[in-house]
Amino acid sequence: MVMLFIVYSNAVDDEVVEIVKKYASGYTKFVDVQGEGNKEPQLGTHVWPGLNNCMMIALEDNKSKDKIAQELQKLKVKFKGVGISVFVMQLKEMV
């Protein structure tokens, strides 16, 4: 099992949710989070407007992980300059 942790600009929320729903039975979403990374800071301030959302998705197989990652990569190309990062972690167990 794997856990995907996706951090993305809330400007592409609808697109990310649509992709995830195709390949996962569920997700947990955190909205309006702040952060700094490879793109401009998303701090929700006058100087650094914009906010991120995050998603956690537990997946049984790597096939779904690969499909989600591929579609998110296409989304990054389509919306150049919009931050989308995917972190993949081994998930030992779900209780």
PDB file of N, CA and C in Angstrom:
ATOM      1  N   MET A   1       0.838  -1.183   0.000  1.00  0.00           N
ATOM      2  CA  MET A   1       0.000   0.000   0.000  1.00  0.00           C
ATOM      3  C   MET A   1       0.881   1.244   0.000  1.00  0.00           C
ATOM      4  N   VAL A   2       0.344   2.304  -0.584  1.00  0.00           N
ATOM      5  CA  VAL A   2       1.053   3.580  -0.611  1.00  0.00           C
ATOM      6  C   VAL A   2       0.121   4.697  -0.177  1.00  0.00           C
ATOM      7  N   MET A   3       0.740   5.763   0.310  1.00  0.00           N
ATOM      8  CA  MET A   3       0.006   6.972   0.677  1.00  0.00           C
ATOM      9  C   MET A   3       0.527   8.089  -0.216  1.00  0.00           C
ATOM     10  N   LEU A   4      -0.376   8.741  -0.925  1.00  0.00           N
ATOM     11  CA  LEU A   4      -0.023   9.924  -1.691  1.00  0.00           C
ATOM     12  C   LEU A   4      -0.372  11.143  -0.858  1.00  0.00           C
ATOM     13  N   PHE A   5       0.527  12.093  -0.829  1.00  0.00           N
ATOM     14  CA  PHE A   5       0.271  13.384  -0.205  1.00  0.00           C
ATOM     15  C   PHE A   5       0.482  14.412  -1.298  1.00  0.00           C
ATOM     16  N   ILE A   6      -0.593  15.045  -1.732  1.00  0.00           N
ATOM     17  CA  ILE A   6      -0.546  15.978  -2.851  1.00  0.00           C
ATOM     18  C   ILE A   6      -0.748  17.393  -2.309  1.00  0.00           C
ATOM     19  N   VAL A   7       0.166  18.281  -2.666  1.00  0.00           N
ATOM     20  CA  VAL A   7       0.059  19.695  -2.316  1.00  0.00           C
ATOM     21  C   VAL A   7      -0.104  20.451  -3.628  1.00  0.00           C
ATOM     22  N   TYR A   8      -1.135  21.280  -3.718  1.00  0.00           N
ATOM     23  CA  TYR A   8      -1.428  21.937  -4.986  1.00  0.00           C
ATOM     24  C   TYR A   8      -2.139  23.266  -4.759  1.00  0.00           C
ATOM     25  N   SER A   9      -1.997  24.156  -5.721  1.00  0.00           N
ATOM     26  CA  SER A   9      -2.681  25.439  -5.672  1.00  0.00           C
ATOM     27  C   SER A   9      -4.188  25.214  -5.698  1.00  0.00           C
ATOM     28  N   ASN A  10      -4.906  25.945  -4.846  1.00  0.00           N
ATOM     29  CA  ASN A  10      -6.360  25.752  -4.835  1.00  0.00           C
ATOM     30  C   ASN A  10      -7.015  26.216  -6.135  1.00  0.00           C
ATOM     31  N   ALA A  11      -6.253  26.856  -7.013  1.00  0.00           N
ATOM     32  CA  ALA A  11      -6.780  27.261  -8.323  1.00  0.00           C
ATOM     33  C   ALA A  11      -7.119  26.052  -9.197  1.00  0.00           C
ATOM     34  N   VAL A  12      -6.505  24.904  -8.930  1.00  0.00           N
ATOM     35  CA  VAL A  12      -6.766  23.701  -9.727  1.00  0.00           C
ATOM     36  C   VAL A  12      -7.464  22.619  -8.898  1.00  0.00           C
ATOM     37  N   ASP A  13      -8.184  23.030  -7.878  1.00  0.00           N
ATOM     38  CA  ASP A  13      -8.835  22.063  -6.991  1.00  0.00           C
ATOM     39  C   ASP A  13      -9.811  21.148  -7.727  1.00  0.00           C
ATOM     40  N   ASP A  14     -10.672  21.704  -8.544  1.00  0.00           N
ATOM     41  CA  ASP A  14     -11.661  20.881  -9.252  1.00  0.00           C
ATOM     42  C   ASP A  14     -10.985  19.817 -10.109  1.00  0.00           C
ATOM     43  N   GLU A  15      -9.928  20.195 -10.803  1.00  0.00           N
ATOM     44  CA  GLU A  15      -9.219  19.255 -11.673  1.00  0.00           C
ATOM     45  C   GLU A  15      -8.536  18.145 -10.876  1.00  0.00           C
ATOM     46  N   VAL A  16      -7.919  18.500  -9.755  1.00  0.00           N
ATOM     47  CA  VAL A  16      -7.239  17.493  -8.929  1.00  0.00           C
ATOM     48  C   VAL A  16      -8.257  16.520  -8.336  1.00  0.00           C
ATOM     49  N   VAL A  17      -9.342  17.031  -7.812  1.00  0.00           N
ATOM     50  CA  VAL A  17     -10.380  16.158  -7.241  1.00  0.00           C
ATOM     51  C   VAL A  17     -10.915  15.205  -8.307  1.00  0.00           C
ATOM     52  N   GLU A  18     -11.149  15.702  -9.494  1.00  0.00           N
ATOM     53  CA  GLU A  18     -11.650  14.862 -10.590  1.00  0.00           C
ATOM     54  C   GLU A  18     -10.677  13.719 -10.911  1.00  0.00           C
ATOM     55  N   ILE A  19      -9.398  14.032 -10.968  1.00  0.00           N
ATOM     56  CA  ILE A  19      -8.385  13.004 -11.238  1.00  0.00           C
ATOM     57  C   ILE A  19      -8.373  11.954 -10.136  1.00  0.00           C
ATOM     58  N   VAL A  20      -8.336  12.395  -8.905  1.00  0.00           N
ATOM     59  CA  VAL A  20      -8.247  11.464  -7.772  1.00  0.00           C
ATOM     60  C   VAL A  20      -9.477  10.557  -7.707  1.00  0.00           C
ATOM     61  N   LYS A  21     -10.652  11.107  -7.950  1.00  0.00           N
ATOM     62  CA  LYS A  21     -11.885  10.313  -7.886  1.00  0.00           C
ATOM     63  C   LYS A  21     -11.919   9.198  -8.938  1.00  0.00           C
ATOM     64  N   LYS A  22     -11.190   9.365 -10.046  1.00  0.00           N
ATOM     65  CA  LYS A  22     -11.144   8.318 -11.078  1.00  0.00           C
ATOM     66  C   LYS A  22     -10.463   7.047 -10.572  1.00  0.00           C
ATOM     67  N   TYR A  23      -9.454   7.204  -9.700  1.00  0.00           N
ATOM     68  CA  TYR A  23      -8.589   6.080  -9.360  1.00  0.00           C
ATOM     69  C   TYR A  23      -8.575   5.704  -7.880  1.00  0.00           C
ATOM     70  N   ALA A  24      -9.221   6.486  -7.038  1.00  0.00           N
ATOM     71  CA  ALA A  24      -9.203   6.203  -5.598  1.00  0.00           C
ATOM     72  C   ALA A  24     -10.633   6.166  -5.064  1.00  0.00           C
ATOM     73  N   SER A  25     -10.845   5.331  -4.065  1.00  0.00           N
ATOM     74  CA  SER A  25     -12.183   5.210  -3.485  1.00  0.00           C
ATOM     75  C   SER A  25     -12.475   6.313  -2.470  1.00  0.00           C
ATOM     76  N   GLY A  26     -11.440   7.035  -2.066  1.00  0.00           N
ATOM     77  CA  GLY A  26     -11.653   8.117  -1.121  1.00  0.00           C
ATOM     78  C   GLY A  26     -10.395   8.925  -0.919  1.00  0.00           C
ATOM     79  N   TYR A  27     -10.537  10.037  -0.230  1.00  0.00           N
ATOM     80  CA  TYR A  27      -9.397  10.909   0.046  1.00  0.00           C
ATOM     81  C   TYR A  27      -9.732  11.785   1.239  1.00  0.00           C
ATOM     82  N   THR A  28      -8.709  12.399   1.809  1.00  0.00           N
ATOM     83  CA  THR A  28      -8.883  13.417   2.835  1.00  0.00           C
ATOM     84  C   THR A  28      -8.264  14.691   2.297  1.00  0.00           C
ATOM     85  N   LYS A  29      -9.022  15.793   2.362  1.00  0.00           N
ATOM     86  CA  LYS A  29      -8.543  17.058   1.804  1.00  0.00           C
ATOM     87  C   LYS A  29      -8.438  18.106   2.893  1.00  0.00           C
ATOM     88  N   PHE A  30      -7.325  18.847   2.862  1.00  0.00           N
ATOM     89  CA  PHE A  30      -7.092  19.992   3.731  1.00  0.00           C
ATOM     90  C   PHE A  30      -7.154  21.225   2.834  1.00  0.00           C
ATOM     91  N   VAL A  31      -7.968  22.202   3.188  1.00  0.00           N
ATOM     92  CA  VAL A  31      -8.129  23.377   2.331  1.00  0.00           C
ATOM     93  C   VAL A  31      -7.493  24.621   2.950  1.00  0.00           C
ATOM     94  N   ASP A  32      -7.123  25.542   2.069  1.00  0.00           N
ATOM     95  CA  ASP A  32      -6.573  26.845   2.454  1.00  0.00           C
ATOM     96  C   ASP A  32      -5.348  26.728   3.363  1.00  0.00           C
ATOM     97  N   VAL A  33      -4.385  25.925   2.934  1.00  0.00           N
ATOM     98  CA  VAL A  33      -3.145  25.796   3.694  1.00  0.00           C
ATOM     99  C   VAL A  33      -2.088  26.712   3.087  1.00  0.00           C
ATOM    100  N   GLN A  34      -1.178  27.152   3.930  1.00  0.00           N
ATOM    101  CA  GLN A  34      -0.117  28.052   3.501  1.00  0.00           C
ATOM    102  C   GLN A  34       1.190  27.293   3.377  1.00  0.00           C
ATOM    103  N   GLY A  35       2.083  27.799   2.520  1.00  0.00           N
ATOM    104  CA  GLY A  35       3.388  27.168   2.422  1.00  0.00           C
ATOM    105  C   GLY A  35       4.282  27.818   1.391  1.00  0.00           C
ATOM    106  N   GLU A  36       5.527  27.389   1.424  1.00  0.00           N
ATOM    107  CA  GLU A  36       6.528  27.828   0.469  1.00  0.00           C
ATOM    108  C   GLU A  36       7.215  26.591  -0.068  1.00  0.00           C
ATOM    109  N   GLY A  37       7.515  26.616  -1.365  1.00  0.00           N
ATOM    110  CA  GLY A  37       8.172  25.471  -1.985  1.00  0.00           C
ATOM    111  C   GLY A  37       8.910  25.909  -3.229  1.00  0.00           C
ATOM    112  N   ASN A  38       8.752  25.150  -4.300  1.00  0.00           N
ATOM    113  CA  ASN A  38       9.458  25.432  -5.546  1.00  0.00           C
ATOM    114  C   ASN A  38       8.881  26.623  -6.310  1.00  0.00           C
ATOM    115  N   LYS A  39       7.649  26.954  -6.071  1.00  0.00           N
ATOM    116  CA  LYS A  39       6.991  28.085  -6.739  1.00  0.00           C
ATOM    117  C   LYS A  39       6.926  29.254  -5.752  1.00  0.00           C
ATOM    118  N   GLU A  40       6.225  30.316  -6.134  1.00  0.00           N
ATOM    119  CA  GLU A  40       6.080  31.450  -5.229  1.00  0.00           C
ATOM    120  C   GLU A  40       5.320  31.035  -3.975  1.00  0.00           C
ATOM    121  N   PRO A  41       5.632  31.658  -2.835  1.00  0.00           N
ATOM    122  CA  PRO A  41       4.919  31.324  -1.600  1.00  0.00           C
ATOM    123  C   PRO A  41       3.410  31.503  -1.754  1.00  0.00           C
ATOM    124  N   GLN A  42       2.678  30.649  -1.101  1.00  0.00           N
ATOM    125  CA  GLN A  42       1.213  30.713  -1.065  1.00  0.00           C
ATOM    126  C   GLN A  42       0.830  30.966   0.397  1.00  0.00           C
ATOM    127  N   LEU A  43       0.765  32.251   0.759  1.00  0.00           N
ATOM    128  CA  LEU A  43       0.585  32.599   2.166  1.00  0.00           C
ATOM    129  C   LEU A  43      -0.725  33.321   2.457  1.00  0.00           C
ATOM    130  N   GLY A  44      -1.534  33.557   1.439  1.00  0.00           N
ATOM    131  CA  GLY A  44      -2.824  34.202   1.654  1.00  0.00           C
ATOM    132  C   GLY A  44      -2.714  35.625   2.156  1.00  0.00           C
ATOM    133  N   THR A  45      -1.609  36.309   1.807  1.00  0.00           N
ATOM    134  CA  THR A  45      -1.411  37.686   2.260  1.00  0.00           C
ATOM    135  C   THR A  45      -1.463  38.634   1.066  1.00  0.00           C
ATOM    136  N   HIS A  46      -1.388  39.927   1.355  1.00  0.00           N
ATOM    137  CA  HIS A  46      -1.354  40.927   0.283  1.00  0.00           C
ATOM    138  C   HIS A  46      -0.113  40.746  -0.585  1.00  0.00           C
ATOM    139  N   VAL A  47       1.002  40.488   0.058  1.00  0.00           N
ATOM    140  CA  VAL A  47       2.266  40.341  -0.662  1.00  0.00           C
ATOM    141  C   VAL A  47       2.333  39.007  -1.397  1.00  0.00           C
ATOM    142  N   TRP A  48       1.930  37.938  -0.736  1.00  0.00           N
ATOM    143  CA  TRP A  48       1.950  36.588  -1.320  1.00  0.00           C
ATOM    144  C   TRP A  48       0.541  36.004  -1.290  1.00  0.00           C
ATOM    145  N   PRO A  49      -0.317  36.425  -2.234  1.00  0.00           N
ATOM    146  CA  PRO A  49      -1.688  35.908  -2.255  1.00  0.00           C
ATOM    147  C   PRO A  49      -1.719  34.440  -2.696  1.00  0.00           C
ATOM    148  N   GLY A  50      -2.855  33.863  -2.564  1.00  0.00           N
ATOM    149  CA  GLY A  50      -3.029  32.470  -2.980  1.00  0.00           C
ATOM    150  C   GLY A  50      -2.837  31.522  -1.822  1.00  0.00           C
ATOM    151  N   LEU A  51      -3.513  30.398  -1.911  1.00  0.00           N
ATOM    152  CA  LEU A  51      -3.414  29.352  -0.892  1.00  0.00           C
ATOM    153  C   LEU A  51      -3.340  27.999  -1.589  1.00  0.00           C
ATOM    154  N   ASN A  52      -2.905  27.021  -0.851  1.00  0.00           N
ATOM    155  CA  ASN A  52      -2.832  25.651  -1.357  1.00  0.00           C
ATOM    156  C   ASN A  52      -3.920  24.799  -0.730  1.00  0.00           C
ATOM    157  N   ASN A  53      -4.133  23.656  -1.321  1.00  0.00           N
ATOM    158  CA  ASN A  53      -4.899  22.577  -0.713  1.00  0.00           C
ATOM    159  C   ASN A  53      -3.973  21.366  -0.658  1.00  0.00           C
ATOM    160  N   CYS A  54      -4.289  20.424   0.195  1.00  0.00           N
ATOM    161  CA  CYS A  54      -3.529  19.176   0.296  1.00  0.00           C
ATOM    162  C   CYS A  54      -4.516  18.018   0.299  1.00  0.00           C
ATOM    163  N   MET A  55      -4.039  16.875  -0.190  1.00  0.00           N
ATOM    164  CA  MET A  55      -4.840  15.654  -0.167  1.00  0.00           C
ATOM    165  C   MET A  55      -3.990  14.493   0.292  1.00  0.00           C
ATOM    166  N   MET A  56      -4.605  13.628   1.083  1.00  0.00           N
ATOM    167  CA  MET A  56      -3.994  12.353   1.458  1.00  0.00           C
ATOM    168  C   MET A  56      -4.857  11.251   0.870  1.00  0.00           C
ATOM    169  N   ILE A  57      -4.208  10.311   0.184  1.00  0.00           N
ATOM    170  CA  ILE A  57      -4.930   9.229  -0.468  1.00  0.00           C
ATOM    171  C   ILE A  57      -4.208   7.918  -0.181  1.00  0.00           C
ATOM    172  N   ALA A  58      -4.901   6.969   0.423  1.00  0.00           N
ATOM    173  CA  ALA A  58      -4.349   5.631   0.643  1.00  0.00           C
ATOM    174  C   ALA A  58      -4.748   4.750  -0.536  1.00  0.00           C
ATOM    175  N   LEU A  59      -3.759   4.086  -1.131  1.00  0.00           N
ATOM    176  CA  LEU A  59      -4.011   3.259  -2.311  1.00  0.00           C
ATOM    177  C   LEU A  59      -3.493   1.845  -2.086  1.00  0.00           C
ATOM    178  N   GLU A  60      -4.262   0.886  -2.550  1.00  0.00           N
ATOM    179  CA  GLU A  60      -3.888  -0.521  -2.418  1.00  0.00           C
ATOM    180  C   GLU A  60      -2.809  -0.930  -3.411  1.00  0.00           C
ATOM    181  N   ASP A  61      -2.783  -0.286  -4.589  1.00  0.00           N
ATOM    182  CA  ASP A  61      -1.864  -0.751  -5.620  1.00  0.00           C
ATOM    183  C   ASP A  61      -1.093   0.399  -6.257  1.00  0.00           C
ATOM    184  N   ASN A  62       0.046   0.057  -6.839  1.00  0.00           N
ATOM    185  CA  ASN A  62       0.878   1.055  -7.499  1.00  0.00           C
ATOM    186  C   ASN A  62       0.315   1.506  -8.834  1.00  0.00           C
ATOM    187  N   LYS A  63      -0.555   0.696  -9.436  1.00  0.00           N
ATOM    188  CA  LYS A  63      -1.132   1.057 -10.723  1.00  0.00           C
ATOM    189  C   LYS A  63      -1.944   2.354 -10.596  1.00  0.00           C
ATOM    190  N   SER A  64      -2.756   2.442  -9.563  1.00  0.00           N
ATOM    191  CA  SER A  64      -3.544   3.661  -9.328  1.00  0.00           C
ATOM    192  C   SER A  64      -2.629   4.845  -9.041  1.00  0.00           C
ATOM    193  N   LYS A  65      -1.578   4.608  -8.268  1.00  0.00           N
ATOM    194  CA  LYS A  65      -0.612   5.669  -7.964  1.00  0.00           C
ATOM    195  C   LYS A  65      -0.007   6.214  -9.246  1.00  0.00           C
ATOM    196  N   ASP A  66       0.404   5.317 -10.124  1.00  0.00           N
ATOM    197  CA  ASP A  66       1.029   5.727 -11.384  1.00  0.00           C
ATOM    198  C   ASP A  66       0.067   6.516 -12.261  1.00  0.00           C
ATOM    199  N   LYS A  67      -1.190   6.093 -12.316  1.00  0.00           N
ATOM    200  CA  LYS A  67      -2.179   6.798 -13.132  1.00  0.00           C
ATOM    201  C   LYS A  67      -2.452   8.199 -12.588  1.00  0.00           C
ATOM    202  N   ILE A  68      -2.584   8.311 -11.270  1.00  0.00           N
ATOM    203  CA  ILE A  68      -2.802   9.626 -10.656  1.00  0.00           C
ATOM    204  C   ILE A  68      -1.598  10.526 -10.927  1.00  0.00           C
ATOM    205  N   ALA A  69      -0.405   9.990 -10.735  1.00  0.00           N
ATOM    206  CA  ALA A  69       0.814  10.778 -10.956  1.00  0.00           C
ATOM    207  C   ALA A  69       0.926  11.237 -12.410  1.00  0.00           C
ATOM    208  N   GLN A  70       0.590  10.367 -13.350  1.00  0.00           N
ATOM    209  CA  GLN A  70       0.650  10.732 -14.770  1.00  0.00           C
ATOM    210  C   GLN A  70      -0.326  11.851 -15.108  1.00  0.00           C
ATOM    211  N   GLU A  71      -1.536  11.729 -14.602  1.00  0.00           N
ATOM    212  CA  GLU A  71      -2.540  12.764 -14.893  1.00  0.00           C
ATOM    213  C   GLU A  71      -2.202  14.091 -14.220  1.00  0.00           C
ATOM    214  N   LEU A  72      -1.631  14.024 -13.018  1.00  0.00           N
ATOM    215  CA  LEU A  72      -1.224  15.265 -12.356  1.00  0.00           C
ATOM    216  C   LEU A  72      -0.066  15.920 -13.097  1.00  0.00           C
ATOM    217  N   GLN A  73       0.818  15.116 -13.677  1.00  0.00           N
ATOM    218  CA  GLN A  73       1.913  15.658 -14.474  1.00  0.00           C
ATOM    219  C   GLN A  73       1.362  16.401 -15.701  1.00  0.00           C
ATOM    220  N   LYS A  74       0.355  15.827 -16.341  1.00  0.00           N
ATOM    221  CA  LYS A  74      -0.282  16.496 -17.480  1.00  0.00           C
ATOM    222  C   LYS A  74      -0.927  17.812 -17.036  1.00  0.00           C
ATOM    223  N   LEU A  75      -1.513  17.810 -15.845  1.00  0.00           N
ATOM    224  CA  LEU A  75      -2.137  19.020 -15.310  1.00  0.00           C
ATOM    225  C   LEU A  75      -1.095  20.107 -15.076  1.00  0.00           C
ATOM    226  N   LYS A  76       0.096  19.708 -14.594  1.00  0.00           N
ATOM    227  CA  LYS A  76       1.181  20.671 -14.385  1.00  0.00           C
ATOM    228  C   LYS A  76       1.599  21.326 -15.700  1.00  0.00           C
ATOM    229  N   VAL A  77       1.593  20.553 -16.775  1.00  0.00           N
ATOM    230  CA  VAL A  77       1.946  21.092 -18.090  1.00  0.00           C
ATOM    231  C   VAL A  77       0.852  22.039 -18.581  1.00  0.00           C
ATOM    232  N   LYS A  78      -0.390  21.617 -18.413  1.00  0.00           N
ATOM    233  CA  LYS A  78      -1.523  22.427 -18.864  1.00  0.00           C
ATOM    234  C   LYS A  78      -1.584  23.766 -18.134  1.00  0.00           C
ATOM    235  N   PHE A  79      -1.352  23.756 -16.827  1.00  0.00           N
ATOM    236  CA  PHE A  79      -1.399  24.964 -16.008  1.00  0.00           C
ATOM    237  C   PHE A  79       0.020  25.317 -15.556  1.00  0.00           C
ATOM    238  N   LYS A  80       0.856  25.632 -16.521  1.00  0.00           N
ATOM    239  CA  LYS A  80       2.261  25.953 -16.244  1.00  0.00           C
ATOM    240  C   LYS A  80       2.347  27.080 -15.220  1.00  0.00           C
ATOM    241  N   GLY A  81       3.199  26.898 -14.243  1.00  0.00           N
ATOM    242  CA  GLY A  81       3.371  27.904 -13.212  1.00  0.00           C
ATOM    243  C   GLY A  81       2.537  27.668 -11.972  1.00  0.00           C
ATOM    244  N   VAL A  82       1.573  26.758 -12.054  1.00  0.00           N
ATOM    245  CA  VAL A  82       0.756  26.421 -10.888  1.00  0.00           C
ATOM    246  C   VAL A  82       1.434  25.261 -10.155  1.00  0.00           C
ATOM    247  N   GLY A  83       1.628  25.425  -8.872  1.00  0.00           N
ATOM    248  CA  GLY A  83       2.317  24.399  -8.096  1.00  0.00           C
ATOM    249  C   GLY A  83       1.476  23.159  -7.850  1.00  0.00           C
ATOM    250  N   ILE A  84       2.058  21.997  -8.168  1.00  0.00           N
ATOM    251  CA  ILE A  84       1.449  20.704  -7.852  1.00  0.00           C
ATOM    252  C   ILE A  84       2.603  19.776  -7.491  1.00  0.00           C
ATOM    253  N   SER A  85       2.619  19.285  -6.267  1.00  0.00           N
ATOM    254  CA  SER A  85       3.660  18.358  -5.827  1.00  0.00           C
ATOM    255  C   SER A  85       3.018  17.102  -5.273  1.00  0.00           C
ATOM    256  N   VAL A  86       3.612  15.947  -5.587  1.00  0.00           N
ATOM    257  CA  VAL A  86       3.105  14.662  -5.107  1.00  0.00           C
ATOM    258  C   VAL A  86       4.212  13.970  -4.325  1.00  0.00           C
ATOM    259  N   PHE A  87       3.905  13.586  -3.101  1.00  0.00           N
ATOM    260  CA  PHE A  87       4.829  12.848  -2.249  1.00  0.00           C
ATOM    261  C   PHE A  87       4.269  11.441  -2.071  1.00  0.00           C
ATOM    262  N   VAL A  88       5.093  10.426  -2.290  1.00  0.00           N
ATOM    263  CA  VAL A  88       4.666   9.036  -2.206  1.00  0.00           C
ATOM    264  C   VAL A  88       5.366   8.379  -1.022  1.00  0.00           C
ATOM    265  N   MET A  89       4.573   7.768  -0.135  1.00  0.00           N
ATOM    266  CA  MET A  89       5.120   7.111   1.053  1.00  0.00           C
ATOM    267  C   MET A  89       4.595   5.691   1.142  1.00  0.00           C
ATOM    268  N   GLN A  90       5.406   4.802   1.633  1.00  0.00           N
ATOM    269  CA  GLN A  90       4.933   3.449   1.896  1.00  0.00           C
ATOM    270  C   GLN A  90       3.964   3.503   3.078  1.00  0.00           C
ATOM    271  N   LEU A  91       2.861   2.796   2.949  1.00  0.00           N
ATOM    272  CA  LEU A  91       1.852   2.761   4.004  1.00  0.00           C
ATOM    273  C   LEU A  91       1.895   1.370   4.606  1.00  0.00           C
ATOM    274  N   LYS A  92       2.321   1.308   5.830  1.00  0.00           N
ATOM    275  CA  LYS A  92       2.496   0.026   6.504  1.00  0.00           C
ATOM    276  C   LYS A  92       1.167  -0.661   6.768  1.00  0.00           C
ATOM    277  N   GLU A  93       0.222   0.078   7.311  1.00  0.00           N
ATOM    278  CA  GLU A  93      -1.102  -0.497   7.570  1.00  0.00           C
ATOM    279  C   GLU A  93      -2.130   0.584   7.763  1.00  0.00           C
ATOM    280  N   MET A  94      -3.380   0.209   7.585  1.00  0.00           N
ATOM    281  CA  MET A  94      -4.518   1.077   7.876  1.00  0.00           C
ATOM    282  C   MET A  94      -5.369   0.364   8.921  1.00  0.00           C
ATOM    283  N   VAL A  95      -5.744   1.074   9.962  1.00  0.00           N
ATOM    284  CA  VAL A  95      -6.585   0.463  11.000  1.00  0.00           C
ATOM    285  C   VAL A  95      -7.866   1.237  11.162  1.00  0.00           C
TER     286      VAL A  95
END
